[in-house]
Each structure stands twice: as structure tokens, then as C-alpha cells.
C-alpha atoms as a PDB file:
ATOM      1  CA  MET A   1      24.497 -14.771  -5.760  1.00  0.00           C
ATOM      2  CA  GLU A   2      25.813 -12.519  -3.051  1.00  0.00           C
ATOM      3  CA  ARG A   3      27.043 -13.442   0.361  1.00  0.00           C
ATOM      4  CA  ILE A   4      25.975 -11.303   3.389  1.00  0.00           C
ATOM      5  CA  THR A   5      26.728 -11.279   6.962  1.00  0.00           C
ATOM      6  CA  ILE A   6      23.974 -10.495   9.523  1.00  0.00           C
ATOM      7  CA  THR A   7      23.817 -10.244  13.332  1.00  0.00           C
ATOM      8  CA  ILE A   8      21.017 -12.030  15.088  1.00  0.00           C
ATOM      9  CA  ASP A   9      20.260 -12.267  18.826  1.00  0.00           C
ATOM     10  CA  ASP A  10      20.947 -15.780  20.236  1.00  0.00           C
ATOM     11  CA  ASP A  11      17.321 -16.356  21.292  1.00  0.00           C
ATOM     12  CA  LEU A  12      15.911 -15.407  17.896  1.00  0.00           C
ATOM     13  CA  LEU A  13      18.558 -17.587  16.048  1.00  0.00           C
ATOM     14  CA  GLU A  14      17.700 -20.573  18.369  1.00  0.00           C
ATOM     15  CA  LYS A  15      13.969 -20.214  17.573  1.00  0.00           C
ATOM     16  CA  PHE A  16      14.755 -19.808  13.797  1.00  0.00           C
ATOM     17  CA  ASP A  17      16.989 -22.858  13.815  1.00  0.00           C
ATOM     18  CA  GLN A  18      14.204 -24.869  15.511  1.00  0.00           C
ATOM     19  CA  LEU A  19      11.742 -23.669  12.877  1.00  0.00           C
ATOM     20  CA  MET A  20      14.128 -24.581  10.116  1.00  0.00           C
ATOM     21  CA  GLU A  21      14.537 -28.078  11.522  1.00  0.00           C
ATOM     22  CA  LEU A  22      10.838 -28.480  11.908  1.00  0.00           C
ATOM     23  CA  LYS A  23      10.124 -27.377   8.355  1.00  0.00           C
ATOM     24  CA  GLY A  24      12.905 -29.498   6.934  1.00  0.00           C
ATOM     25  CA  TYR A  25      15.137 -26.775   5.502  1.00  0.00           C
ATOM     26  CA  ALA A  26      18.645 -27.985   4.579  1.00  0.00           C
ATOM     27  CA  ASN A  27      20.288 -24.745   5.914  1.00  0.00           C
ATOM     28  CA  ARG A  28      19.565 -21.250   7.265  1.00  0.00           C
ATOM     29  CA  SER A  29      20.134 -19.577   3.879  1.00  0.00           C
ATOM     30  CA  GLU A  30      17.151 -21.370   2.400  1.00  0.00           C
ATOM     31  CA  GLY A  31      14.928 -20.328   5.382  1.00  0.00           C
ATOM     32  CA  ILE A  32      16.099 -16.752   5.265  1.00  0.00           C
ATOM     33  CA  ARG A  33      15.508 -16.634   1.422  1.00  0.00           C
ATOM     34  CA  ASP A  34      11.926 -17.950   1.853  1.00  0.00           C
ATOM     35  CA  ALA A  35      11.249 -15.482   4.709  1.00  0.00           C
ATOM     36  CA  MET A  36      12.422 -12.632   2.537  1.00  0.00           C
ATOM     37  CA  ARG A  37      10.346 -13.754  -0.463  1.00  0.00           C
ATOM     38  CA  GLN A  38       7.251 -14.005   1.854  1.00  0.00           C
ATOM     39  CA  MET A  39       7.847 -10.495   3.161  1.00  0.00           C
ATOM     40  CA  LEU A  40       8.231  -9.091  -0.324  1.00  0.00           C
ATOM     41  CA  ALA A  41       5.107 -10.933  -1.536  1.00  0.00           C
ATOM     42  CA  ASP A  42       3.097  -9.621   1.380  1.00  0.00           C
ATOM     43  CA  GLN A  43       4.269  -6.026   0.698  1.00  0.00           C
ATOM     44  CA  GLN A  44       3.345  -6.424  -2.925  1.00  0.00           C
ATOM     45  CA  LEU A  45      -0.126  -7.692  -2.141  1.00  0.00           C
ATOM     46  CA  ASP A  46      -0.667  -4.921   0.457  1.00  0.00           C
ATOM     47  CA  SER A  47       0.632  -2.102  -1.653  1.00  0.00           C
ATOM     48  CA  ASP A  48      -0.759  -2.804  -5.134  1.00  0.00           C
ATOM     49  CA  ALA A  49      -4.517  -3.728  -5.318  1.00  0.00           C
ATOM     50  CA  HIS A  50      -4.142  -4.110  -9.093  1.00  0.00           C
ATOM     51  CA  ALA A  51      -1.220  -6.620  -8.886  1.00  0.00           C
ATOM     52  CA  HIS A  52      -2.031  -9.950 -10.406  1.00  0.00           C
ATOM     53  CA  CYS A  53      -2.323 -12.878  -7.942  1.00  0.00           C
ATOM     54  CA  VAL A  54      -3.700 -16.348  -7.536  1.00  0.00           C
ATOM     55  CA  GLY A  55      -5.521 -17.192  -4.380  1.00  0.00           C
ATOM     56  CA  CYS A  56      -7.221 -19.953  -2.671  1.00  0.00           C
ATOM     57  CA  VAL A  57     -10.367 -19.261  -0.582  1.00  0.00           C
ATOM     58  CA  VAL A  58     -11.218 -22.145   1.687  1.00  0.00           C
ATOM     59  CA  TYR A  59     -14.522 -22.123   3.416  1.00  0.00           C
ATOM     60  CA  MET A  60     -16.730 -24.549   5.410  1.00  0.00           C
ATOM     61  CA  TYR A  61     -20.562 -24.221   5.194  1.00  0.00           C
ATOM     62  CA  ASN A  62     -23.737 -26.034   6.139  1.00  0.00           C
ATOM     63  CA  HIS A  63     -25.191 -27.280   2.857  1.00  0.00           C
ATOM     64  CA  LYS A  64     -28.579 -27.554   4.417  1.00  0.00           C
ATOM     65  CA  GLU A  65     -28.654 -23.740   4.855  1.00  0.00           C
ATOM     66  CA  ARG A  66     -31.541 -22.553   2.648  1.00  0.00           C
ATOM     67  CA  ALA A  67     -30.349 -21.872  -0.899  1.00  0.00           C
ATOM     68  CA  LEU A  68     -26.678 -21.353   0.296  1.00  0.00           C
ATOM     69  CA  SER A  69     -25.234 -23.750  -2.365  1.00  0.00           C
ATOM     70  CA  SER A  70     -27.100 -21.788  -5.085  1.00  0.00           C
ATOM     71  CA  ARG A  71     -25.974 -18.453  -3.705  1.00  0.00           C
ATOM     72  CA  LEU A  72     -22.315 -19.507  -3.662  1.00  0.00           C
ATOM     73  CA  VAL A  73     -22.486 -20.768  -7.275  1.00  0.00           C
ATOM     74  CA  GLU A  74     -24.286 -17.608  -8.362  1.00  0.00           C
ATOM     75  CA  THR A  75     -21.699 -15.481  -6.656  1.00  0.00           C
ATOM     76  CA  GLN A  76     -18.933 -17.161  -8.516  1.00  0.00           C
ATOM     77  CA  HIS A  77     -20.842 -16.977 -11.831  1.00  0.00           C
ATOM     78  CA  GLN A  78     -21.179 -13.159 -11.322  1.00  0.00           C
ATOM     79  CA  HIS A  79     -17.368 -12.936 -11.355  1.00  0.00           C
ATOM     80  CA  HIS A  80     -16.819 -15.765 -13.840  1.00  0.00           C
ATOM     81  CA  HIS A  81     -13.454 -14.365 -14.961  1.00  0.00           C
ATOM     82  CA  ILE A  82     -11.993 -14.827 -11.449  1.00  0.00           C
ATOM     83  CA  PRO A  83     -12.700 -18.424 -10.270  1.00  0.00           C
ATOM     84  CA  ALA A  84     -10.547 -21.235 -11.916  1.00  0.00           C
ATOM     85  CA  ALA A  85     -11.509 -24.427 -10.078  1.00  0.00           C
ATOM     86  CA  THR A  86     -13.292 -25.568  -6.929  1.00  0.00           C
ATOM     87  CA  LEU A  87     -12.690 -28.644  -4.821  1.00  0.00           C
ATOM     88  CA  HIS A  88     -15.656 -29.799  -2.844  1.00  0.00           C
ATOM     89  CA  LEU A  89     -15.502 -32.092   0.224  1.00  0.00           C
ATOM     90  CA  HIS A  90     -18.267 -33.541   2.276  1.00  0.00           C
ATOM     91  CA  VAL A  91     -17.173 -33.283   5.953  1.00  0.00           C
ATOM     92  CA  ASP A  92     -20.269 -34.846   7.522  1.00  0.00           C
ATOM     93  CA  ALA A  93     -24.018 -35.051   7.063  1.00  0.00           C
ATOM     94  CA  GLU A  94     -24.406 -31.258   7.183  1.00  0.00           C
ATOM     95  CA  ASN A  95     -21.036 -29.585   6.429  1.00  0.00           C
ATOM     96  CA  CYS A  96     -18.928 -29.120   3.353  1.00  0.00           C
ATOM     97  CA  VAL A  97     -15.611 -27.631   2.722  1.00  0.00           C
ATOM     98  CA  GLU A  98     -14.780 -25.906  -0.561  1.00  0.00           C
ATOM     99  CA  ALA A  99     -11.441 -24.703  -1.853  1.00  0.00           C
ATOM    100  CA  THR A 100     -11.700 -22.299  -4.782  1.00  0.00           C
ATOM    101  CA  ILE A 101      -8.769 -21.146  -6.787  1.00  0.00           C
ATOM    102  CA  LEU A 102      -9.115 -17.574  -7.820  1.00  0.00           C
ATOM    103  CA  SER A 103      -7.000 -15.625 -10.318  1.00  0.00           C
ATOM    104  CA  GLY A 104      -7.050 -11.902 -11.042  1.00  0.00           C
ATOM    105  CA  ALA A 105      -6.247  -8.511  -9.553  1.00  0.00           C
ATOM    106  CA  VAL A 106      -5.709  -8.574  -5.792  1.00  0.00           C
ATOM    107  CA  HIS A 107      -8.737  -6.339  -5.152  1.00  0.00           C
ATOM    108  CA  GLU A 108     -11.012  -8.464  -7.270  1.00  0.00           C
ATOM    109  CA  VAL A 109      -9.770 -11.720  -5.638  1.00  0.00           C
ATOM    110  CA  ARG A 110     -10.253 -10.260  -2.117  1.00  0.00           C
ATOM    111  CA  MET A 111     -13.691  -9.001  -3.052  1.00  0.00           C
ATOM    112  CA  LEU A 112     -14.854 -12.286  -4.412  1.00  0.00           C
ATOM    113  CA  ALA A 113     -13.449 -14.208  -1.429  1.00  0.00           C
ATOM    114  CA  ASP A 114     -15.233 -11.772   0.934  1.00  0.00           C
ATOM    115  CA  GLN A 115     -18.461 -12.220  -0.855  1.00  0.00           C
ATOM    116  CA  ILE A 116     -18.232 -15.950  -0.603  1.00  0.00           C
ATOM    117  CA  THR A 117     -17.284 -16.114   3.086  1.00  0.00           C
ATOM    118  CA  ALA A 118     -19.811 -13.463   4.185  1.00  0.00           C
ATOM    119  CA  GLN A 119     -22.705 -15.627   2.957  1.00  0.00           C
ATOM    120  CA  THR A 120     -25.157 -16.621   5.732  1.00  0.00           C
ATOM    121  CA  GLY A 121     -24.293 -20.241   6.576  1.00  0.00           C
ATOM    122  CA  VAL A 122     -20.584 -20.073   5.769  1.00  0.00           C
ATOM    123  CA  LYS A 123     -18.995 -20.895   9.116  1.00  0.00           C
ATOM    124  CA  HIS A 124     -15.287 -20.360   8.416  1.00  0.00           C
ATOM    125  CA  GLY A 125     -13.324 -18.942   5.622  1.00  0.00           C
ATOM    126  CA  ARG A 126      -9.825 -17.925   4.795  1.00  0.00           C
ATOM    127  CA  LEU A 127      -8.044 -16.490   1.751  1.00  0.00           C
ATOM    128  CA  HIS A 128      -4.445 -17.209   0.879  1.00  0.00           C
ATOM    129  CA  LEU A 129      -2.889 -15.007  -1.783  1.00  0.00           C
ATOM    130  CA  ILE A 130       0.234 -15.485  -3.862  1.00  0.00           C
ATOM    131  CA  PRO A 131       1.475 -12.717  -6.202  1.00  0.00           C
ATOM    132  CA  THR A 132       2.401 -13.588  -9.731  1.00  0.00           C
ATOM    133  CA  ASP A 133       4.843 -11.792 -12.034  1.00  0.00           C
ATOM    134  CA  GLN A 134       2.236 -10.815 -14.574  1.00  0.00           C
ATOM    135  CA  ASP A 135       0.124  -7.624 -14.759  1.00  0.00           C
ATOM    136  CA  ALA A 136      -3.600  -7.858 -13.932  1.00  0.00           C
ATOM    137  CA  GLY A 137      -4.442  -6.900 -17.498  1.00  0.00           C
ATOM    138  CA  ASP A 138      -2.549  -9.876 -18.944  1.00  0.00           C
END
């Protein structure tokens, strides 16, 4: 491990320290390492559409929307090599939330997440991606 010295504006450091306390970090170094990892992961996901990733697309929809549940399932079946698991939650009498874990190349995972969240009746949707160390072909 290498030790480095950095210069940070007082205001920025104060805000960072507050965030580290809020998140429960033991020290600044852990927070800085996590921030660096996140920046590197974001860059990898943005720059290499063929990089392997895992993702979680979370979406809320009205299950009473005509044939929406069937369309969502059919969309996932059309890309059967990408979805890994789905968690389903009944929010109220009309709305459901699903969280579907996806695995594959960044461009495939994004495409499937977009197809899911663009369905008529899906009210909200968001995709979170995490790069893996393996190639998309593995």
C-alpha cells in the first residue's frame, strides 16, 4: 500500500468529513478509496460497452395495466441469458415493485433495462450497474 499526500479546500474537506461520518466510515482513507473505486467503475462502464457487469433494474408498475405483467415476463424471456433473478413486491392494490438482477455485457444489460422501464404502465425505473472483473464472453 502506498501513502500519498493531497491538498483539499477546507470547505470540501468539511463536507467530506460530514459524509464519512454519516456513512459510518472509520477514516478518510476508506472514504477516499471508495470514491476512487466508484469513479473507476463509472469510467469502465461508460467507456466499454462490452465489459461484463451485474446490474439491478428496479421498477414500479401498475399490475392492472392491460397485459403489462405478461409483456414484462416476455421481454425477459426474449433475453433469457441476461436476467438472473427477480424480487416482486406488492406495494398496494394496484402497484408492484420488481427488482431484477441482470448479468452480461454493459450494452445488453442497459438495453434490457430500457426495454423493461419503457413499457407502458411502468411508472418509475432505475438501473444500477456494477462492473465485474470478467470478460463479457466468460
